[in-house]
Every structure is written in structure tokens, then in C-alpha cells.
Protein backbone atom coordinates (compact mmCIF):
# COMPACT_ATOMS: atom_id res chain seq x y z
CA MET A 1 -199.25 21.46 -19.52
CA ARG A 2 -199.28 20.63 -15.56
CA THR A 3 -201.73 19.50 -13.62
CA LYS A 4 -201.51 21.08 -9.99
CA SER A 5 -200.56 17.87 -8.15
CA GLU A 6 -197.81 17.26 -11.50
CA THR A 7 -196.50 21.14 -9.94
CA ILE A 8 -196.84 20.43 -6.21
CA GLU A 9 -194.84 16.41 -7.04
CA ARG A 10 -192.01 18.43 -9.17
CA PHE A 11 -191.72 21.54 -6.24
CA PHE A 12 -190.86 18.58 -3.65
CA LYS A 13 -188.88 16.70 -6.36
CA GLU A 14 -186.19 19.49 -6.42
CA PHE A 15 -186.76 20.91 -3.01
CA ASP A 16 -187.24 17.99 -1.11
CA ASP A 17 -185.16 18.89 1.81
CA ILE A 18 -187.58 21.98 3.39
CA SER A 19 -189.44 20.69 6.22
CA TYR A 20 -193.37 21.66 5.73
CA THR A 21 -196.52 21.17 8.24
CA GLU A 22 -199.98 21.31 7.33
CA SER A 23 -201.11 21.88 10.78
CA THR A 24 -200.96 23.86 13.73
CA ILE A 25 -197.51 23.19 15.36
CA ARG A 26 -196.50 24.83 18.68
CA PHE A 27 -192.56 25.65 19.63
CA MET A 28 -190.59 27.33 21.99
CA GLN A 29 -188.20 30.07 20.60
CA ASP A 30 -186.47 32.08 22.84
CA GLN A 31 -188.51 31.27 26.14
CA LYS A 32 -191.54 32.01 24.35
CA GLU A 33 -194.23 29.62 23.10
CA TRP A 34 -195.02 30.25 19.31
CA ILE A 35 -197.99 28.62 17.36
CA LEU A 36 -197.97 28.10 13.45
CA THR A 37 -200.44 27.33 11.06
CA ASN A 38 -202.19 27.56 7.95
CA THR A 39 -202.72 31.08 8.32
CA SER A 40 -200.50 32.89 10.63
CA LEU A 41 -198.19 32.83 13.41
CA GLN A 42 -198.11 33.64 16.59
CA CYS A 43 -196.43 34.19 19.99
CA GLU A 44 -198.17 36.28 22.73
CA ASP A 45 -200.16 39.04 21.17
CA VAL A 46 -198.62 38.94 18.11
CA CYS A 47 -200.01 37.72 15.19
CA ILE A 48 -198.41 37.90 11.76
CA ARG A 49 -200.08 36.79 8.77
CA PRO A 50 -199.25 36.04 5.37
CA PHE A 51 -199.48 37.79 2.01
CA SER A 52 -198.72 36.42 -1.11
CA GLY A 53 -195.57 37.30 -2.32
CA THR A 54 -193.62 38.45 1.03
CA TYR A 55 -192.17 36.59 3.79
CA CYS A 56 -192.12 38.10 7.37
CA LEU A 57 -187.88 38.39 9.58
CA VAL A 58 -188.92 38.56 12.86
CA ASP A 59 -186.73 39.48 15.49
CA THR A 60 -187.88 36.70 18.17
CA GLU A 61 -186.61 38.70 21.34
CA THR A 62 -188.75 41.49 20.86
CA LEU A 63 -191.01 40.49 18.65
CA GLN A 64 -190.78 42.90 15.94
CA TYR A 65 -190.66 41.85 12.35
CA GLU A 66 -190.20 43.33 9.06
CA ARG A 67 -192.29 42.47 5.84
CA ILE A 68 -190.02 41.47 3.17
CA TYR A 69 -191.98 41.73 -0.69
CA LEU A 70 -190.81 39.79 -3.02
CA ASP A 71 -189.59 41.19 -6.88
CA LEU A 72 -193.20 40.63 -8.32
CA PHE A 73 -193.15 43.40 -10.88
CA PRO A 74 -190.80 43.99 -14.06
CA GLN A 75 -188.91 47.19 -13.44
CA GLU A 76 -190.83 48.86 -15.50
CA GLU A 77 -194.54 48.76 -13.28
CA THR A 78 -192.03 48.61 -10.19
CA ASP A 79 -190.89 52.10 -10.66
CA LEU A 80 -194.64 52.94 -11.35
CA ALA A 81 -195.65 51.46 -7.56
CA THR A 82 -192.53 53.18 -6.32
CA ILE A 83 -193.83 55.77 -7.77
CA PHE A 84 -197.10 55.85 -7.00
CA THR A 85 -196.30 54.66 -3.25
CA GLU A 86 -194.44 57.59 -2.65
CA ALA A 87 -197.20 60.42 -3.57
CA ILE A 88 -199.45 58.68 -1.27
CA GLN A 89 -197.02 58.87 1.40
CA ASP A 90 -196.10 62.37 0.45
CA ALA A 91 -200.13 63.88 0.68
CA LEU A 92 -200.49 62.01 3.51
CA ARG A 93 -197.30 63.65 5.40
CA LYS A 94 -199.14 66.99 3.32
CA ILE A 95 -202.12 66.37 4.99
CA SER A 96 -200.98 65.33 8.86
CA GLY A 97 -199.05 68.58 8.59
CA SER A 98 -201.70 70.48 7.89
CA LYS A 99 -203.87 69.37 10.86
CA GLU A 100 -200.93 70.18 13.09
CA LYS A 101 -200.41 73.48 11.95
CA MET A 102 -204.76 74.11 12.82
CA LYS A 103 -203.92 72.79 16.15
CA SER A 104 -201.58 75.13 16.78
């Protein structure tokens, strides 16, 4: 069984070209000041918080971002999660549609 420190050491040996920061850093990108901390990436009024198993692609000009979810589950579980999510979204659309009809 590996200890936490052994796992961390192995990671950095394997990926020694990765740079990282453990404290707040300010940097300029596309004429905007960005602040990177251990808990967020901030620029102007946008604050992006990390979630386990995800990463974000950020358009630094428009400050729009897309969260990418890594494939954390086996295919069967992913399919069930997708089906469940789509069912919830469909139900919410129907509720929203019903409310719009009542207003008309």
C-alpha cells in the first residue's frame, strides 16, 4: 500500500514538466488581470471554481467557459446517469412550458 507522500512523489517524477503553484498568483492574459488561487480562477466578475473530475476551457477574450467532465464512470453507469439527467431536463422543460401556457 502506498502512502500519500509516495503517491505524490511518483506523480511528480512521472509528470516532472508540469508547473504548479500553491499560493495566489496574478497574471495578465489578453489585457486582463487574472487571479489564480487553490480554490478558484478569477477575472473581472467571473469566478470559476474547480470541481473534482472536471476541468474548464476558458475563452480569455469573452470570459465564457465550458466545464468538461472527465469519464469517471464505467459506460453502463454513464448511460444511466445520462438517461436520468435527460429525464430531469425533460420534466423541467414540461413544467416550464406549462407555466408559459398558463401566462398566455
